[in-house]
Amino acid sequence: MAVVSLEDIKTAREKLKGVAIKTDLDKSRTFSKMSGNEVYLKLENLQRTGSFKIRGAYNKISNLTEAEKKNGVVAASAGNHAQGVALAATQMGIKSTIVMPEGAPIGKINATQGYGADVILSGESYDEAHAEEERFAKENGATIIPAFNDPDVIAGQGTIGLEILEDLPDVDVVITPIGGGGLLSGVAVALKESNPDIEVIGVEAANAACMSESMKQGCLANLDKVETIADGIAVKCPGDITYKIISEYVDHIVTVEEEEIAHAISLLMERAKLIVEGASATTLAAVLNDKINIQGKKIAIVLSGGNIDLDMISTIIDRGMIKAGRRISFETSLFDKPGALRDLLSVISETGANVISVTHDRLTPEISIKHAQVQVSLETKNSEHVKEIIKTLENHDYEIKGLK
């Protein structure tokens, strides 16, 4: 008997009516043209609490016994799961406690409290917060709400697959991010049990590829560390339930690099006017960077969430802009004489580049006397434009260093 069935997912959908919104499946002309496929974006970044997590959390809590509900629920999370559990519990009049690492962003702490949860800050990492979660549950009789490795949670996430089928019955390929595997597991069951011909693909950040490593080893693998801007899928070890389902139902798992994720975030903001977090952007990154060998297909891409920290956006945009050839920085040296900086900027102006910033330094001891070091940041058009700029500067005898 399957751990999670299609009927479980259909039942979850009925329970989620009036709680989770049915998000749009939006066709993107831009990304369709860029990839050579018909690309549809499943906008879970516009879901309540800003991610798909409300689906699984609500389904799990709704299935608790009255005794379990009376004692409340607890979850360890620094992000989307925290907010999903908080709102789901509040919707049902149940007390919720969320354990977050002490370094959790203040915005996420405030959002979780705003949805009605008590927040405990404990430890420096998710693992330490998880230990406090287990202690709290044992001491207070609260029920732990797992982030991914639970049949009810998986069934709730699987409702996304039903919605995709309803809006695009002839979909060829569906792509979702992978962290612990709850989202991919639920979507895969919903799709494959409805139409086995649909190709289901999961995407991990290369720096947090615990499911890929588990598949390679043939058993659950625990990574030593994970470090990625896709913090929503920064998981060291998948669940045994999700591993089993993904092994049976998922066709391929691919990975994407940090710069590819950053570029996808930037593209979604610039071309689709959508704010997404790193985990969401992995799916588009896989399609646009040829990680998936498909052409002329109808592809549904799940954008799993939009809860990105504002203080991260600037860095992510910069990384994406650099990869796209839209921004460069470099150093060069000038004779320290009147007009030298003007001459450099005049050459740059002729190339059509836009100056973002200039730092002129003549005092650092490492700089030769009678010289000045100049650091320049430029806004550029594309990678070819960057090559033209560098060639033009070198033709004017400027030595370019530290190009990035």
Protein backbone atom coordinates (compact mmCIF):
# COMPACT_ATOMS: atom_id res chain seq x y z
CA MET A 1 0.00 0.00 0.00
CA ALA A 2 1.31 3.45 -0.96
CA VAL A 3 2.42 5.72 1.88
CA VAL A 4 0.49 8.57 0.24
CA SER A 5 -2.29 7.88 -2.26
CA LEU A 6 -4.08 9.97 -4.85
CA GLU A 7 -7.19 9.73 -2.69
CA ASP A 8 -5.25 11.17 0.27
CA ILE A 9 -4.34 14.18 -1.87
CA LYS A 10 -7.91 14.64 -3.10
CA THR A 11 -9.14 14.51 0.49
CA ALA A 12 -6.54 17.09 1.48
CA ARG A 13 -7.77 19.38 -1.27
CA GLU A 14 -11.29 19.33 0.15
CA LYS A 15 -9.94 20.24 3.58
CA LEU A 16 -7.91 23.12 2.15
CA LYS A 17 -10.89 24.83 0.52
CA GLY A 18 -11.18 28.31 1.96
CA VAL A 19 -7.71 28.03 3.53
CA ALA A 20 -5.13 27.73 0.75
CA ILE A 21 -5.90 29.70 -2.40
CA LYS A 22 -5.76 28.07 -5.80
CA THR A 23 -2.76 29.90 -7.26
CA ASP A 24 -2.57 30.85 -10.92
CA LEU A 25 -0.75 28.83 -13.57
CA ASP A 26 0.58 31.66 -15.70
CA LYS A 27 2.03 31.16 -19.18
CA SER A 28 5.28 33.08 -19.66
CA ARG A 29 5.98 34.19 -23.21
CA THR A 30 9.42 35.38 -22.18
CA PHE A 31 10.61 32.12 -20.64
CA SER A 32 8.86 30.08 -23.33
CA LYS A 33 10.89 31.89 -25.98
CA MET A 34 14.12 31.61 -24.00
CA SER A 35 13.76 27.85 -23.44
CA GLY A 36 12.05 26.64 -26.61
CA ASN A 37 9.14 25.23 -24.62
CA GLU A 38 5.71 26.38 -23.44
CA VAL A 39 6.53 27.47 -19.91
CA TYR A 40 3.83 27.92 -17.27
CA LEU A 41 4.59 29.32 -13.81
CA LYS A 42 2.70 27.89 -10.82
CA LEU A 43 2.64 30.96 -8.56
CA GLU A 44 2.91 29.54 -5.04
CA ASN A 45 4.97 32.63 -4.19
CA LEU A 46 1.56 34.35 -4.10
CA GLN A 47 0.06 31.74 -1.74
CA ARG A 48 -1.02 32.70 1.77
CA THR A 49 2.05 33.16 4.02
CA GLY A 50 4.09 33.51 0.81
CA SER A 51 4.70 29.82 0.14
CA PHE A 52 3.12 26.39 -0.42
CA LYS A 53 3.76 25.33 3.18
CA ILE A 54 0.29 26.26 4.44
CA ARG A 55 -1.09 23.33 2.40
CA GLY A 56 0.79 20.57 4.20
CA ALA A 57 0.70 22.21 7.61
CA TYR A 58 -3.07 22.70 7.57
CA ASN A 59 -3.74 19.18 6.31
CA LYS A 60 -1.55 17.69 9.03
CA ILE A 61 -3.07 19.72 11.86
CA SER A 62 -6.63 19.09 10.64
CA ASN A 63 -6.02 15.34 11.00
CA LEU A 64 -4.91 15.51 14.63
CA THR A 65 -7.10 13.98 17.34
CA GLU A 66 -8.97 16.28 19.70
CA ALA A 67 -6.54 15.35 22.46
CA GLU A 68 -3.57 16.27 20.29
CA LYS A 69 -5.17 19.57 19.29
CA LYS A 70 -5.82 20.41 22.94
CA ASN A 71 -2.11 20.17 23.77
CA GLY A 72 -1.08 22.37 20.86
CA VAL A 73 1.53 21.93 18.16
CA VAL A 74 5.21 22.75 17.83
CA ALA A 75 7.54 23.05 14.85
CA ALA A 76 11.19 23.92 14.29
CA SER A 77 11.72 26.26 11.37
CA ALA A 78 13.38 29.52 10.41
CA GLY A 79 11.08 30.33 7.53
CA ASN A 80 8.16 29.14 5.43
CA HIS A 81 7.17 26.11 7.51
CA ALA A 82 7.04 28.28 10.61
CA GLN A 83 4.56 30.67 9.04
CA GLY A 84 2.50 27.85 7.52
CA VAL A 85 2.13 26.05 10.85
CA ALA A 86 1.37 29.30 12.69
CA LEU A 87 -1.44 30.29 10.34
CA ALA A 88 -2.87 26.77 10.07
CA ALA A 89 -3.02 26.37 13.84
CA THR A 90 -4.58 29.80 14.32
CA GLN A 91 -7.21 29.01 11.69
CA MET A 92 -8.28 26.01 13.80
CA GLY A 93 -8.01 27.72 17.16
CA ILE A 94 -5.01 25.64 18.25
CA LYS A 95 -2.02 26.94 20.21
CA SER A 96 1.23 26.83 18.22
CA THR A 97 4.85 27.23 19.23
CA ILE A 98 7.64 27.72 16.73
CA VAL A 99 11.29 27.16 17.62
CA MET A 100 13.60 29.30 15.50
CA PRO A 101 17.40 29.62 15.57
CA GLU A 102 18.61 32.68 17.45
CA GLY A 103 19.93 34.20 14.23
CA ALA A 104 16.60 33.98 12.38
CA PRO A 105 15.75 37.16 10.44
CA ILE A 106 13.61 39.55 12.46
CA GLY A 107 11.15 39.83 9.57
CA LYS A 108 10.41 36.10 9.69
CA ILE A 109 10.12 36.14 13.49
CA ASN A 110 7.62 39.02 13.32
CA ALA A 111 5.64 37.33 10.52
CA THR A 112 5.40 34.07 12.47
CA GLN A 113 4.23 35.89 15.57
CA GLY A 114 1.80 37.86 13.43
CA TYR A 115 0.14 34.61 12.37
CA GLY A 116 -0.50 33.79 16.03
CA ALA A 117 2.40 31.58 17.15
CA ASP A 118 4.59 31.82 20.22
CA VAL A 119 8.22 31.97 19.10
CA ILE A 120 11.12 30.46 21.02
CA LEU A 121 14.63 31.37 19.88
CA SER A 122 17.03 28.50 20.57
CA GLY A 123 20.42 27.49 19.22
CA GLU A 124 22.48 28.71 16.31
CA SER A 125 21.24 26.26 13.67
CA TYR A 126 18.15 24.36 12.57
CA ASP A 127 19.53 21.17 14.15
CA GLU A 128 19.78 22.88 17.55
CA ALA A 129 16.29 24.35 17.12
CA HIS A 130 15.02 20.86 16.26
CA ALA A 131 16.50 19.51 19.51
CA GLU A 132 14.61 22.19 21.45
CA GLU A 133 11.44 21.35 19.49
CA GLU A 134 11.67 17.72 20.66
CA ARG A 135 12.34 18.78 24.25
CA PHE A 136 9.38 21.17 24.20
CA ALA A 137 7.06 18.54 22.74
CA LYS A 138 8.04 15.97 25.38
CA GLU A 139 7.67 18.44 28.24
CA ASN A 140 4.37 19.98 27.13
CA GLY A 141 2.67 17.15 25.26
CA ALA A 142 2.59 19.21 22.07
CA THR A 143 2.48 17.46 18.68
CA ILE A 144 5.41 18.03 16.36
CA ILE A 145 4.43 19.16 12.85
CA PRO A 146 7.19 17.88 10.52
CA ALA A 147 8.37 20.10 7.69
CA PHE A 148 8.32 17.36 5.03
CA ASN A 149 8.63 13.76 6.21
CA ASP A 150 4.99 13.06 7.01
CA PRO A 151 2.16 11.53 4.91
CA ASP A 152 -0.38 14.24 5.78
CA VAL A 153 2.10 17.01 5.01
CA ILE A 154 3.02 15.36 1.70
CA ALA A 155 -0.65 14.93 0.76
CA GLY A 156 -1.27 18.62 1.42
CA GLN A 157 1.62 19.67 -0.82
CA GLY A 158 0.36 17.27 -3.49
CA THR A 159 -2.73 19.43 -4.02
CA ILE A 160 -0.51 21.64 -6.18
CA GLY A 161 -0.27 18.75 -8.65
CA LEU A 162 -4.06 18.47 -8.84
CA GLU A 163 -4.37 22.17 -9.57
CA ILE A 164 -1.79 21.97 -12.36
CA LEU A 165 -3.70 19.09 -13.97
CA GLU A 166 -6.95 20.99 -13.70
CA ASP A 167 -5.55 24.08 -15.43
CA LEU A 168 -3.26 22.30 -17.92
CA PRO A 169 -4.51 18.73 -18.51
CA ASP A 170 -2.02 18.10 -21.34
CA VAL A 171 1.05 19.17 -19.39
CA ASP A 172 4.16 17.21 -20.44
CA VAL A 173 6.64 18.07 -17.68
CA VAL A 174 6.31 19.39 -14.12
CA ILE A 175 9.34 20.72 -12.23
CA THR A 176 9.54 21.45 -8.50
CA PRO A 177 12.33 22.31 -6.04
CA ILE A 178 13.65 19.72 -3.59
CA GLY A 179 14.65 20.36 0.01
CA GLY A 180 13.53 17.51 2.22
CA GLY A 181 11.30 16.27 -0.58
CA GLY A 182 7.77 16.87 0.74
CA LEU A 183 6.66 19.11 -2.13
CA LEU A 184 8.13 16.93 -4.87
CA SER A 185 6.74 13.75 -3.28
CA GLY A 186 3.19 15.04 -3.09
CA VAL A 187 3.19 16.57 -6.56
CA ALA A 188 4.73 13.43 -8.06
CA VAL A 189 2.07 11.14 -6.58
CA ALA A 190 -0.74 13.45 -7.73
CA LEU A 191 0.61 13.59 -11.28
CA LYS A 192 1.85 10.05 -11.83
CA GLU A 193 -1.24 8.42 -10.34
CA SER A 194 -3.37 10.59 -12.63
CA ASN A 195 -1.22 10.27 -15.75
CA PRO A 196 1.98 8.15 -15.67
CA ASP A 197 3.20 9.77 -18.90
CA ILE A 198 3.81 13.14 -17.24
CA GLU A 199 7.51 13.66 -16.62
CA VAL A 200 8.29 14.80 -13.07
CA ILE A 201 11.61 16.50 -12.35
CA GLY A 202 13.09 17.77 -9.08
CA VAL A 203 15.72 20.49 -8.73
CA GLU A 204 18.24 20.96 -5.92
CA ALA A 205 20.85 23.58 -5.22
CA ALA A 206 24.22 21.98 -5.98
CA ASN A 207 25.43 23.08 -2.53
CA ALA A 208 22.53 21.28 -0.80
CA ALA A 209 21.97 18.22 -2.96
CA CYS A 210 20.99 15.73 -0.26
CA MET A 211 18.41 13.89 -2.37
CA SER A 212 20.78 13.51 -5.32
CA GLU A 213 23.43 12.12 -3.01
CA SER A 214 20.92 9.76 -1.41
CA MET A 215 19.89 8.45 -4.83
CA LYS A 216 23.53 7.95 -5.74
CA GLN A 217 24.25 5.99 -2.54
CA GLY A 218 20.98 4.07 -2.59
CA CYS A 219 20.15 5.12 0.96
CA LEU A 220 19.59 8.28 2.99
CA ALA A 221 22.68 10.49 2.86
CA ASN A 222 23.49 13.16 5.42
CA LEU A 223 25.54 16.05 4.04
CA ASP A 224 28.25 17.54 6.24
CA LYS A 225 27.14 21.08 5.42
CA VAL A 226 24.81 23.04 3.17
CA GLU A 227 25.43 26.58 2.04
CA THR A 228 23.13 28.14 -0.52
CA ILE A 229 21.10 31.27 -1.21
CA ALA A 230 18.19 28.86 -1.67
CA ASP A 231 17.74 28.66 2.11
CA GLY A 232 14.26 27.18 1.80
CA ILE A 233 15.78 23.94 0.48
CA ALA A 234 18.99 23.95 2.52
CA VAL A 235 18.45 20.49 4.01
CA LYS A 236 21.23 18.12 5.04
CA CYS A 237 19.21 14.90 4.88
CA PRO A 238 15.90 14.04 3.20
CA GLY A 239 13.18 12.03 4.92
CA ASP A 240 12.82 8.28 4.62
CA ILE A 241 9.20 8.66 3.45
CA THR A 242 10.02 11.29 0.83
CA TYR A 243 13.05 9.31 -0.33
CA LYS A 244 10.88 6.24 -0.94
CA ILE A 245 8.22 8.17 -2.86
CA ILE A 246 10.71 10.08 -5.00
CA SER A 247 12.60 6.88 -5.80
CA GLU A 248 9.37 5.40 -7.17
CA TYR A 249 7.68 8.34 -8.88
CA VAL A 250 10.25 10.96 -9.96
CA ASP A 251 11.92 10.73 -13.37
CA HIS A 252 14.98 12.96 -12.88
CA ILE A 253 16.75 15.07 -10.29
CA VAL A 254 19.08 17.87 -11.42
CA THR A 255 21.14 20.50 -9.62
CA VAL A 256 21.79 24.19 -10.26
CA GLU A 257 24.64 26.47 -9.18
CA GLU A 258 24.42 29.57 -6.99
CA GLU A 259 24.99 32.03 -9.85
CA GLU A 260 22.28 30.31 -11.89
CA ILE A 261 19.82 30.67 -9.01
CA ALA A 262 20.71 34.34 -8.57
CA HIS A 263 20.26 35.01 -12.28
CA ALA A 264 16.85 33.31 -12.26
CA ILE A 265 15.72 35.46 -9.31
CA SER A 266 16.79 38.57 -11.21
CA LEU A 267 15.04 37.43 -14.40
CA LEU A 268 11.79 36.72 -12.58
CA MET A 269 11.87 40.20 -11.06
CA GLU A 270 12.81 41.98 -14.27
CA ARG A 271 10.85 40.04 -16.87
CA ALA A 272 7.89 38.56 -14.96
CA LYS A 273 7.58 41.15 -12.17
CA LEU A 274 7.64 38.35 -9.60
CA ILE A 275 9.48 38.30 -6.27
CA VAL A 276 10.67 34.80 -5.39
CA GLU A 277 13.07 33.24 -2.93
CA GLY A 278 16.07 31.17 -3.94
CA ALA A 279 14.31 27.81 -3.63
CA SER A 280 11.63 28.97 -6.08
CA ALA A 281 14.15 30.13 -8.64
CA THR A 282 15.91 26.77 -8.89
CA THR A 283 13.22 25.42 -11.20
CA LEU A 284 13.51 28.22 -13.74
CA ALA A 285 17.31 28.09 -13.43
CA ALA A 286 17.25 24.43 -14.41
CA VAL A 287 15.18 25.13 -17.53
CA LEU A 288 17.19 28.14 -18.69
CA ASN A 289 20.62 26.59 -18.08
CA ASP A 290 20.02 23.39 -20.07
CA LYS A 291 19.93 21.11 -17.05
CA ILE A 292 16.87 19.46 -18.56
CA ASN A 293 17.07 18.20 -22.14
CA ILE A 294 13.58 18.99 -23.41
CA GLN A 295 12.27 21.04 -26.34
CA GLY A 296 8.78 21.89 -27.56
CA LYS A 297 7.07 20.63 -24.39
CA LYS A 298 4.43 22.08 -22.10
CA ILE A 299 6.27 22.65 -18.83
CA ALA A 300 4.79 23.67 -15.49
CA ILE A 301 7.37 25.21 -13.17
CA VAL A 302 6.47 25.44 -9.48
CA LEU A 303 7.60 28.73 -7.91
CA SER A 304 7.39 27.48 -4.35
CA GLY A 305 7.66 30.70 -2.34
CA GLY A 306 8.35 34.41 -2.27
CA ASN A 307 9.70 34.96 1.26
CA ILE A 308 13.06 36.44 0.44
CA ASP A 309 14.82 38.66 2.98
CA LEU A 310 15.03 42.25 1.81
CA ASP A 311 18.66 42.55 2.89
CA MET A 312 19.53 39.63 0.59
CA ILE A 313 17.90 41.03 -2.53
CA SER A 314 20.67 43.51 -3.34
CA THR A 315 23.37 40.83 -3.21
CA ILE A 316 21.31 38.38 -5.24
CA ILE A 317 20.54 40.99 -7.89
CA ASP A 318 24.24 41.85 -8.14
CA ARG A 319 25.15 38.18 -8.65
CA GLY A 320 22.47 37.77 -11.27
CA MET A 321 23.46 40.97 -13.07
CA ILE A 322 27.10 39.91 -13.19
CA LYS A 323 26.21 36.51 -14.65
CA ALA A 324 24.05 38.20 -17.29
CA GLY A 325 26.86 40.57 -18.26
CA ARG A 326 24.81 43.52 -17.01
CA ARG A 327 27.33 44.77 -14.46
CA ILE A 328 31.11 44.69 -14.10
CA SER A 329 33.73 45.99 -11.70
CA PHE A 330 37.46 46.36 -12.29
CA GLU A 331 40.60 48.19 -11.18
CA THR A 332 43.12 50.13 -13.18
CA SER A 333 45.94 52.57 -12.44
CA LEU A 334 46.38 56.12 -13.68
CA PHE A 335 49.17 58.66 -13.67
CA ASP A 336 48.35 61.02 -10.82
CA LYS A 337 47.93 64.16 -12.85
CA PRO A 338 45.05 66.52 -13.63
CA GLY A 339 42.67 65.15 -16.25
CA ALA A 340 43.70 61.46 -15.95
CA LEU A 341 40.42 60.38 -14.38
CA ARG A 342 38.49 62.52 -16.84
CA ASP A 343 40.22 60.78 -19.75
CA LEU A 344 39.36 57.32 -18.37
CA LEU A 345 35.71 58.23 -17.91
CA SER A 346 35.63 59.73 -21.40
CA VAL A 347 36.75 56.41 -22.90
CA ILE A 348 34.16 54.55 -20.84
CA SER A 349 31.49 57.00 -22.01
CA GLU A 350 32.33 56.24 -25.64
CA THR A 351 31.55 52.54 -25.06
CA GLY A 352 27.98 53.28 -23.96
CA ALA A 353 28.49 51.90 -20.45
CA ASN A 354 26.89 53.66 -17.48
CA VAL A 355 29.09 54.45 -14.48
CA ILE A 356 27.67 53.21 -11.17
CA SER A 357 30.59 54.18 -8.93
CA VAL A 358 34.22 55.34 -9.04
CA THR A 359 36.78 55.18 -6.23
CA HIS A 360 40.01 57.16 -6.76
CA ASP A 361 42.84 56.25 -4.35
CA ARG A 362 46.27 57.91 -4.39
CA LEU A 363 47.26 57.33 -0.74
CA THR A 364 47.42 53.57 -0.21
CA PRO A 365 51.09 52.57 0.37
CA GLU A 366 50.87 49.72 -2.16
CA ILE A 367 50.28 52.22 -4.97
CA SER A 368 53.34 53.58 -6.74
CA ILE A 369 54.15 57.22 -6.17
CA LYS A 370 52.78 59.41 -8.99
CA HIS A 371 50.06 56.85 -9.63
CA ALA A 372 46.47 56.45 -8.44
CA GLN A 373 44.39 53.33 -8.26
CA VAL A 374 40.83 53.55 -9.61
CA GLN A 375 38.01 51.09 -8.92
CA VAL A 376 35.12 51.35 -11.35
CA SER A 377 31.68 49.70 -11.40
CA LEU A 378 29.71 49.86 -14.65
CA GLU A 379 26.21 49.02 -15.82
CA THR A 380 26.49 47.15 -19.13
CA LYS A 381 24.17 45.69 -21.77
CA ASN A 382 25.31 42.05 -22.03
CA SER A 383 28.40 39.82 -22.14
CA GLU A 384 29.36 41.00 -25.64
CA HIS A 385 29.21 44.60 -24.48
CA VAL A 386 31.55 43.74 -21.60
CA LYS A 387 34.09 42.31 -24.05
CA GLU A 388 33.89 45.47 -26.18
CA ILE A 389 34.45 47.69 -23.14
CA ILE A 390 37.53 45.77 -21.98
CA LYS A 391 38.99 45.71 -25.49
CA THR A 392 38.46 49.46 -25.88
CA LEU A 393 40.12 50.22 -22.54
CA GLU A 394 43.10 47.98 -23.31
CA ASN A 395 43.46 49.64 -26.72
CA HIS A 396 43.83 52.91 -24.81
CA ASP A 397 46.63 51.32 -22.72
CA TYR A 398 44.63 50.83 -19.54
CA GLU A 399 45.63 47.67 -17.63
CA ILE A 400 42.48 45.96 -16.32
CA LYS A 401 42.70 44.04 -13.04
CA GLY A 402 40.22 42.31 -10.74
CA LEU A 403 37.52 42.05 -13.37
CA LYS A 404 34.27 40.63 -12.03
